[in-house]
Amino acid sequence: MTADLRELSQRDWDRWYGTLERAFGGLHEAPEERELWDDLTEYDRSLGLWDGEECVGTAGAFSFRMTVPGGALVDAAGVTMVSVAATHRRRGLLTSMMRRQLDDLRERGEALAVLTASEPAIYGRFGYGAATWLFNVSIDTARVRLTVPAGTDEVRLRYAVPAEAAAACEAVYARVVPGRPGMLARQPGWERLPLLDPERDRDGASPLQCVLAERGGEVVGYAYFAVTSGWEVQGPKGVVRVRAVEALDPAAHAALWRFLCDIDLTSRVESLNVPVDDPLLHLVSDVRRCGLVMRDSLHVRPVEVGAALEARTYRAPVDVVLDVTDAFCPWNEGRWRLTGDPKGASCKRADDDAPADLALSVREVGSAYLGGVSLAELARAGRVRELRPGALAEASLAFGSEVAPWLPHGF
């Protein structure tokens, strides 16, 4: 079909966003949530597909700064709000939006695109690879105890009004961001996201609560959470629903999790987003009773392979020629020579006669980019081919990260 693909105008936002809501089940979000996303929408980065006066497709992007291995903050387009009306499926509309969007990102000079996938099977064909993972946790606090490090008892905890404590919490968050690949520096306006707490979406839980961790009068950590009350014949069975925990040191981190696991009249602590290497997993007495469920989180797509690979550093010296395939963005096709170490990197087009060391698609480059997925494991899945003996071990070690990459919140 012929559809009009055009940049979103502010007057069309309600219809555009309504199309997105319908695609995700048809339930309208709370007014304060819609207001936040309206305010955060970047109109010049948002696309709508129109069949006459009807909006039948949506796609947008946010201007993010994301931590990459080595600690640098790199521009990354946060692809979001993607939908196609069920009445207009299988007509190439999603492909047309992805095509336009990636072309636009290239024109803007952005080397990376990232997204969270409602259905992971959708985005691999556009070159996105799963790059970060997370744990859902559900801790049975009647049976699990925490062993905390020295100094934990020196951390002072106090309740705070979330809105009044927001500046102190954001200062902690900003200090944590450079230390973990995949984290997003919060741009103006995004500090409102952790405080979003529509009453209709609480599902019986309390309003958002905040506890600050302090040492020597300085805020060194915080937790956002809510509590759901519950009772049974044997006694209380309340649930602590953790929204975020950030801390500047092990003692503050342990103090916050110990507090959350000791709240009166509760028997379970749940969080839907914990890093796969979170210290919590080594504090609990019985990890089997923490209900760990692992799932994919951030998907990464190099828009410009050379610029993307130059933007990060490498855990060990590396000098390899990558033979990259990229059917959707053919400007990335071909051989790239990557040289790098912990101090920096260069990634340029290789000479035509340079033999390739590894062969892979841009999707595998994206999966390995943040250091949480190894090239070696992708090779065992048949998705990376070693063409020079030893090249796989060299590159896999170099691409790795000492800290697991992690996305702290959705978008």
Protein backbone atom coordinates (compact mmCIF):
# COMPACT_ATOMS: atom_id res chain seq x y z
CA MET A 1 0.00 0.00 0.00
CA THR A 2 0.97 3.63 -0.29
CA ALA A 3 1.18 5.34 3.09
CA ASP A 4 2.37 8.80 3.96
CA LEU A 5 5.44 8.53 6.18
CA ARG A 6 6.19 11.88 7.75
CA GLU A 7 7.73 13.59 10.72
CA LEU A 8 5.37 13.94 13.68
CA SER A 9 3.78 17.30 14.36
CA GLN A 10 2.69 18.35 17.83
CA ARG A 11 -0.95 18.69 16.79
CA ASP A 12 -0.99 15.00 15.79
CA TRP A 13 0.58 13.64 18.98
CA ASP A 14 -2.65 12.45 20.63
CA ARG A 15 -3.73 10.44 17.59
CA TRP A 16 -0.21 9.15 17.07
CA TYR A 17 0.13 8.07 20.70
CA GLY A 18 -3.35 6.58 20.65
CA THR A 19 -2.23 4.34 17.78
CA LEU A 20 0.67 3.17 19.93
CA GLU A 21 -1.61 2.48 22.92
CA ARG A 22 -3.97 0.46 20.76
CA ALA A 23 -1.10 -1.62 19.41
CA PHE A 24 -0.09 -2.47 22.98
CA GLY A 25 -3.53 -3.64 24.04
CA GLY A 26 -5.75 -0.57 23.81
CA LEU A 27 -5.62 0.53 27.46
CA HIS A 28 -5.07 4.26 27.85
CA GLU A 29 -2.25 5.26 30.15
CA ALA A 30 -2.81 7.47 33.17
CA PRO A 31 -2.91 11.19 32.34
CA GLU A 32 0.34 11.91 34.19
CA GLU A 33 2.11 9.17 32.23
CA ARG A 34 0.83 10.46 28.90
CA GLU A 35 1.89 13.96 29.91
CA LEU A 36 5.43 12.77 30.66
CA TRP A 37 5.84 10.98 27.33
CA ASP A 38 4.35 13.95 25.48
CA ASP A 39 6.89 16.22 27.13
CA LEU A 40 9.77 13.83 26.36
CA THR A 41 8.80 13.16 22.74
CA GLU A 42 11.32 14.59 20.30
CA TYR A 43 9.09 15.57 17.40
CA ASP A 44 11.87 15.91 14.87
CA ARG A 45 12.90 12.33 15.68
CA SER A 46 9.39 10.82 15.59
CA LEU A 47 7.66 9.34 12.56
CA GLY A 48 4.03 8.62 11.78
CA LEU A 49 2.55 6.54 8.99
CA TRP A 50 -0.78 7.85 7.75
CA ASP A 51 -3.41 6.12 5.64
CA GLY A 52 -5.50 9.13 4.76
CA GLU A 53 -6.43 10.72 8.09
CA GLU A 54 -5.73 7.54 10.05
CA CYS A 55 -2.43 7.01 11.84
CA VAL A 56 -1.40 3.40 11.20
CA GLY A 57 2.24 3.35 12.31
CA THR A 58 4.50 5.00 14.86
CA ALA A 59 8.23 5.16 15.57
CA GLY A 60 10.38 7.53 17.57
CA ALA A 61 13.82 8.03 19.05
CA PHE A 62 15.28 9.75 22.08
CA SER A 63 18.66 11.48 22.18
CA PHE A 64 20.61 9.50 24.76
CA ARG A 65 24.16 9.45 26.10
CA MET A 66 25.11 5.87 26.95
CA THR A 67 28.11 4.50 28.83
CA VAL A 68 30.31 2.18 26.77
CA PRO A 69 33.25 -0.01 27.90
CA GLY A 70 35.99 2.31 29.07
CA GLY A 71 33.53 4.72 30.72
CA ALA A 72 32.92 7.17 27.86
CA LEU A 73 29.44 8.53 27.23
CA VAL A 74 28.49 8.05 23.58
CA ASP A 75 25.54 9.47 21.64
CA ALA A 76 22.94 6.75 21.05
CA ALA A 77 19.47 6.94 19.55
CA GLY A 78 16.94 5.30 21.86
CA VAL A 79 14.47 3.79 19.41
CA THR A 80 11.02 3.72 20.96
CA MET A 81 7.23 3.84 20.48
CA VAL A 82 7.31 1.52 17.46
CA SER A 83 3.99 0.09 16.31
CA VAL A 84 1.96 -0.84 13.23
CA ALA A 85 -1.83 -1.06 13.32
CA ALA A 86 -3.09 -4.66 13.23
CA THR A 87 -5.18 -3.73 10.17
CA HIS A 88 -2.03 -2.85 8.22
CA ARG A 89 0.31 -5.72 9.01
CA ARG A 90 2.51 -7.48 6.41
CA ARG A 91 2.62 -4.53 4.06
CA GLY A 92 6.21 -3.45 4.65
CA LEU A 93 5.29 -0.52 6.90
CA LEU A 94 7.63 -1.43 9.75
CA THR A 95 10.46 -1.93 7.30
CA SER A 96 9.82 1.48 5.78
CA MET A 97 9.97 3.16 9.20
CA MET A 98 13.15 1.29 10.18
CA ARG A 99 14.71 2.25 6.83
CA ARG A 100 13.87 5.93 7.24
CA GLN A 101 14.95 5.97 10.86
CA LEU A 102 18.38 4.42 10.31
CA ASP A 103 19.01 6.71 7.35
CA ASP A 104 18.12 9.68 9.55
CA LEU A 105 20.44 8.50 12.33
CA ARG A 106 23.29 8.20 9.88
CA GLU A 107 22.67 11.74 8.65
CA ARG A 108 22.78 12.93 12.26
CA GLY A 109 26.15 11.26 12.77
CA GLU A 110 24.95 8.88 15.48
CA ALA A 111 26.93 5.65 15.46
CA LEU A 112 24.58 3.63 17.69
CA ALA A 113 20.90 2.83 17.95
CA VAL A 114 19.45 1.00 20.95
CA LEU A 115 16.03 -0.31 21.90
CA THR A 116 14.11 -2.58 24.22
CA ALA A 117 12.05 -5.11 22.30
CA SER A 118 8.46 -5.98 23.09
CA GLU A 119 9.09 -9.05 20.90
CA PRO A 120 12.80 -9.80 20.37
CA ALA A 121 12.16 -11.74 17.15
CA ILE A 122 11.15 -8.53 15.38
CA TYR A 123 14.36 -6.54 15.41
CA GLY A 124 17.12 -8.98 14.53
CA ARG A 125 16.35 -8.60 10.85
CA PHE A 126 17.08 -4.88 11.16
CA GLY A 127 20.51 -5.53 12.69
CA TYR A 128 19.73 -5.23 16.41
CA GLY A 129 21.40 -7.73 18.74
CA ALA A 130 20.60 -8.44 22.40
CA ALA A 131 23.47 -6.86 24.33
CA THR A 132 22.36 -6.61 27.98
CA TRP A 133 20.46 -8.94 30.28
CA LEU A 134 18.75 -8.58 33.62
CA PHE A 135 17.35 -10.63 36.47
CA ASN A 136 13.84 -10.51 37.86
CA VAL A 137 14.21 -11.38 41.55
CA SER A 138 11.63 -12.52 44.10
CA ILE A 139 13.29 -13.00 47.49
CA ASP A 140 11.59 -15.15 50.13
CA THR A 141 12.67 -13.04 53.10
CA ALA A 142 11.29 -15.56 55.61
CA ARG A 143 14.03 -17.95 54.50
CA VAL A 144 16.78 -15.71 53.12
CA ARG A 145 19.19 -13.69 55.19
CA LEU A 146 21.81 -11.19 54.07
CA THR A 147 25.46 -11.27 55.14
CA VAL A 148 26.67 -7.69 54.82
CA PRO A 149 30.20 -6.29 54.47
CA ALA A 150 32.12 -4.31 57.08
CA GLY A 151 30.90 -0.73 57.39
CA THR A 152 27.25 -1.48 56.66
CA ASP A 153 26.17 -0.55 60.19
CA GLU A 154 27.84 2.84 59.79
CA VAL A 155 25.42 3.80 57.00
CA ARG A 156 22.47 5.86 58.19
CA LEU A 157 19.11 5.27 56.50
CA ARG A 158 16.20 7.67 56.54
CA TYR A 159 12.88 8.01 54.79
CA ALA A 160 12.49 10.95 52.43
CA VAL A 161 9.71 12.37 50.31
CA PRO A 162 10.57 11.14 46.79
CA ALA A 163 10.08 14.50 45.08
CA GLU A 164 12.10 16.32 47.75
CA ALA A 165 14.92 13.76 47.58
CA ALA A 166 15.03 13.60 43.78
CA ALA A 167 18.00 15.92 43.35
CA ALA A 168 20.13 13.95 45.83
CA CYS A 169 19.12 10.65 44.19
CA GLU A 170 19.93 11.97 40.73
CA ALA A 171 23.36 13.06 41.93
CA VAL A 172 24.06 9.48 43.09
CA TYR A 173 22.74 8.11 39.81
CA ALA A 174 24.98 10.44 37.79
CA ARG A 175 28.04 9.23 39.70
CA VAL A 176 27.15 5.59 39.06
CA VAL A 177 26.53 5.94 35.31
CA PRO A 178 30.19 5.95 34.09
CA GLY A 179 30.95 2.72 35.92
CA ARG A 180 28.62 0.39 34.04
CA PRO A 181 28.22 0.01 30.24
CA GLY A 182 24.64 0.37 29.03
CA MET A 183 23.61 2.96 31.61
CA LEU A 184 21.99 6.14 30.34
CA ALA A 185 22.92 9.60 31.52
CA ARG A 186 19.61 11.26 32.34
CA GLN A 187 18.96 14.20 30.05
CA PRO A 188 16.77 17.11 31.25
CA GLY A 189 13.24 15.88 31.86
CA TRP A 190 14.19 12.25 32.40
CA GLU A 191 14.64 12.82 36.14
CA ARG A 192 10.82 12.72 36.26
CA LEU A 193 10.68 9.09 35.14
CA PRO A 194 11.70 7.46 38.48
CA LEU A 195 9.04 9.53 40.24
CA LEU A 196 6.21 8.52 37.91
CA ASP A 197 3.62 6.87 40.17
CA PRO A 198 0.05 6.92 38.80
CA GLU A 199 -2.40 5.79 41.47
CA ARG A 200 -4.35 3.67 38.98
CA ASP A 201 -1.21 1.64 38.18
CA ARG A 202 -0.23 0.75 41.76
CA ASP A 203 -2.23 -2.49 41.80
CA GLY A 204 -2.86 -2.25 45.52
CA ALA A 205 0.60 -1.04 46.47
CA SER A 206 1.45 2.02 48.51
CA PRO A 207 2.49 5.30 46.91
CA LEU A 208 6.14 5.46 45.91
CA GLN A 209 8.50 5.52 48.89
CA CYS A 210 12.14 6.58 49.12
CA VAL A 211 14.91 5.76 51.57
CA LEU A 212 18.26 7.53 51.48
CA ALA A 213 21.57 6.03 52.61
CA GLU A 214 23.90 8.58 54.21
CA ARG A 215 27.42 8.63 55.57
CA GLY A 216 28.95 11.69 57.16
CA GLY A 217 25.99 13.76 56.04
CA GLU A 218 26.45 12.80 52.37
CA VAL A 219 23.87 10.81 50.41
CA VAL A 220 25.65 7.68 49.19
CA GLY A 221 22.67 5.67 47.96
CA TYR A 222 18.92 5.45 47.63
CA ALA A 223 16.05 3.05 47.09
CA TYR A 224 12.69 3.69 45.46
CA PHE A 225 10.01 1.14 46.34
CA ALA A 226 6.39 0.50 47.25
CA VAL A 227 4.77 -1.96 49.66
CA THR A 228 1.75 -4.16 49.09
CA SER A 229 -0.02 -5.33 52.26
CA GLY A 230 -1.29 -8.88 52.56
CA TRP A 231 -2.35 -11.37 55.20
CA GLU A 232 -2.95 -15.09 55.48
CA VAL A 233 -3.74 -17.46 58.37
CA GLN A 234 -0.04 -17.87 59.17
CA GLY A 235 0.52 -14.11 59.35
CA PRO A 236 1.49 -11.14 57.15
CA LYS A 237 2.59 -11.68 53.57
CA GLY A 238 3.27 -8.17 52.30
CA VAL A 239 5.47 -7.60 49.27
CA VAL A 240 8.15 -4.96 48.81
CA ARG A 241 8.23 -3.88 45.17
CA VAL A 242 11.62 -2.39 44.42
CA ARG A 243 11.79 0.22 41.68
CA ALA A 244 15.47 1.20 41.93
CA VAL A 245 18.51 0.77 44.16
CA GLU A 246 21.70 2.73 43.49
CA ALA A 247 24.68 3.12 45.79
CA LEU A 248 28.22 4.46 45.66
CA ASP A 249 29.90 1.68 47.67
CA PRO A 250 29.32 -1.90 48.87
CA ALA A 251 28.29 -0.91 52.40
CA ALA A 252 25.59 1.51 51.22
CA HIS A 253 24.32 -1.06 48.71
CA ALA A 254 24.12 -3.76 51.38
CA ALA A 255 22.44 -1.42 53.89
CA LEU A 256 19.67 -0.60 51.42
CA TRP A 257 18.98 -4.22 50.45
CA ARG A 258 19.06 -5.32 54.11
CA PHE A 259 16.51 -2.63 54.89
CA LEU A 260 14.25 -3.71 52.03
CA CYS A 261 14.40 -7.34 53.17
CA ASP A 262 13.58 -6.42 56.80
CA ILE A 263 10.48 -4.24 56.37
CA ASP A 264 7.84 -5.24 58.89
CA LEU A 265 4.76 -7.22 57.80
CA THR A 266 6.37 -8.31 54.52
CA SER A 267 7.64 -11.72 53.44
CA ARG A 268 8.88 -11.09 49.90
CA VAL A 269 10.98 -8.54 48.02
CA GLU A 270 10.51 -8.27 44.26
CA SER A 271 12.45 -6.38 41.62
CA LEU A 272 11.98 -6.61 37.86
CA ASN A 273 15.41 -5.22 36.97
CA VAL A 274 18.61 -6.29 38.71
CA PRO A 275 22.01 -6.51 36.96
CA VAL A 276 23.15 -10.07 36.33
CA ASP A 277 26.30 -9.39 38.40
CA ASP A 278 24.58 -7.44 41.18
CA PRO A 279 26.35 -7.86 44.55
CA LEU A 280 22.97 -8.78 46.05
CA LEU A 281 23.40 -12.29 44.62
CA HIS A 282 26.46 -12.74 46.84
CA LEU A 283 24.87 -11.29 49.98
CA VAL A 284 21.87 -13.62 50.17
CA SER A 285 22.08 -16.85 52.15
CA ASP A 286 20.16 -18.90 49.56
CA VAL A 287 20.17 -17.69 45.97
CA ARG A 288 17.77 -20.49 44.99
CA ARG A 289 15.05 -18.81 47.02
CA CYS A 290 15.50 -15.54 45.13
CA GLY A 291 13.39 -16.63 42.14
CA LEU A 292 15.89 -15.50 39.52
CA VAL A 293 14.49 -15.16 36.01
CA MET A 294 16.86 -13.90 33.32
CA ARG A 295 15.73 -12.04 30.23
CA ASP A 296 17.08 -9.80 27.49
CA SER A 297 17.01 -6.04 27.97
CA LEU A 298 18.87 -3.60 25.70
CA HIS A 299 19.37 -4.40 22.01
CA VAL A 300 22.20 -2.57 20.22
CA ARG A 301 22.55 -1.73 16.52
CA PRO A 302 25.73 -0.15 15.14
CA VAL A 303 24.65 2.49 12.63
CA GLU A 304 28.25 3.20 11.66
CA VAL A 305 30.43 0.18 12.47
CA GLY A 306 33.74 2.01 12.34
CA ALA A 307 32.69 4.95 14.51
CA ALA A 308 30.91 2.69 16.99
CA LEU A 309 33.90 0.41 17.52
CA GLU A 310 36.23 3.41 17.88
CA ALA A 311 34.02 4.96 20.57
CA ARG A 312 34.83 2.33 23.21
CA THR A 313 38.03 0.91 24.63
CA TYR A 314 39.09 -2.73 24.83
CA ARG A 315 39.96 -4.85 27.83
CA ALA A 316 43.13 -6.24 26.19
CA PRO A 317 45.15 -5.34 23.10
CA VAL A 318 43.42 -6.39 19.89
CA ASP A 319 44.27 -6.21 16.20
CA VAL A 320 41.75 -8.01 14.02
CA VAL A 321 40.09 -7.63 10.65
CA LEU A 322 36.32 -8.09 10.87
CA ASP A 323 34.37 -9.15 7.79
CA VAL A 324 30.97 -7.62 8.51
CA THR A 325 27.73 -8.31 6.66
CA ASP A 326 24.85 -5.84 6.94
CA ALA A 327 22.05 -6.30 4.43
CA PHE A 328 19.92 -3.48 5.86
CA CYS A 329 22.66 -0.83 6.09
CA PRO A 330 25.00 -1.77 3.23
CA TRP A 331 27.44 1.04 4.02
CA ASN A 332 28.68 -1.18 6.88
CA GLU A 333 29.38 -4.15 4.60
CA GLY A 334 32.98 -5.21 4.18
CA ARG A 335 36.22 -5.56 6.09
CA TRP A 336 37.13 -3.38 9.04
CA ARG A 337 40.48 -3.38 10.82
CA LEU A 338 40.03 -2.89 14.55
CA THR A 339 43.04 -2.06 16.69
CA GLY A 340 42.58 -1.14 20.31
CA ASP A 341 43.52 -1.52 23.97
CA PRO A 342 42.39 -0.07 27.32
CA LYS A 343 43.49 3.42 26.21
CA GLY A 344 41.62 3.76 22.91
CA ALA A 345 40.84 2.28 19.52
CA SER A 346 40.86 2.74 15.77
CA CYS A 347 38.51 1.03 13.33
CA LYS A 348 39.02 1.78 9.65
CA ARG A 349 38.27 0.16 6.32
CA ALA A 350 40.81 -2.59 5.72
CA ASP A 351 42.86 -2.83 2.55
CA ASP A 352 41.20 -4.90 -0.15
CA ASP A 353 43.93 -7.53 0.08
CA ALA A 354 43.82 -7.77 3.90
CA PRO A 355 42.67 -11.26 4.97
CA ALA A 356 39.73 -11.31 7.36
CA ASP A 357 40.19 -12.79 10.85
CA LEU A 358 36.53 -13.06 11.91
CA ALA A 359 33.30 -13.11 9.92
CA LEU A 360 30.07 -11.93 11.51
CA SER A 361 26.98 -9.85 10.87
CA VAL A 362 26.29 -6.41 12.28
CA ARG A 363 23.83 -8.06 14.68
CA GLU A 364 26.68 -9.93 16.39
CA VAL A 365 28.72 -6.72 16.52
CA GLY A 366 25.79 -5.15 18.39
CA SER A 367 25.40 -8.08 20.79
CA ALA A 368 29.09 -8.04 21.73
CA TYR A 369 29.45 -4.26 21.73
CA LEU A 370 28.87 -3.56 25.44
CA GLY A 371 30.92 -6.52 26.65
CA GLY A 372 28.14 -8.61 28.13
CA VAL A 373 27.90 -11.16 25.31
CA SER A 374 31.17 -12.76 24.23
CA LEU A 375 32.19 -13.33 20.65
CA ALA A 376 33.24 -16.83 21.74
CA GLU A 377 29.71 -17.78 22.80
CA LEU A 378 28.33 -16.35 19.58
CA ALA A 379 30.87 -18.47 17.69
CA ARG A 380 29.67 -21.57 19.53
CA ALA A 381 26.20 -20.72 18.27
CA GLY A 382 27.55 -20.53 14.72
CA ARG A 383 27.02 -16.79 14.45
CA VAL A 384 30.72 -15.81 14.34
CA ARG A 385 33.29 -17.63 12.19
CA GLU A 386 36.98 -17.68 13.03
CA LEU A 387 39.07 -17.34 9.88
CA ARG A 388 42.49 -16.96 11.55
CA PRO A 389 43.40 -19.34 14.38
CA GLY A 390 43.60 -17.43 17.65
CA ALA A 391 41.65 -14.41 16.43
CA LEU A 392 38.47 -15.43 18.26
CA ALA A 393 40.16 -15.74 21.65
CA GLU A 394 41.96 -12.41 21.14
CA ALA A 395 38.85 -10.49 20.12
CA SER A 396 36.54 -12.15 22.64
CA LEU A 397 38.82 -11.19 25.53
CA ALA A 398 39.24 -7.63 24.23
CA PHE A 399 35.51 -7.01 23.78
CA GLY A 400 34.68 -8.15 27.33
CA SER A 401 33.72 -5.90 30.24
CA GLU A 402 34.67 -6.34 33.90
CA VAL A 403 31.20 -5.08 34.85
CA ALA A 404 28.12 -6.57 33.23
CA PRO A 405 26.32 -4.04 31.02
CA TRP A 406 22.87 -3.10 32.25
CA LEU A 407 19.99 -0.80 31.32
CA PRO A 408 18.58 0.83 34.47
CA HIS A 409 15.16 1.78 33.07
CA GLY A 410 13.06 1.45 29.99
CA PHE A 411 12.14 4.09 27.47
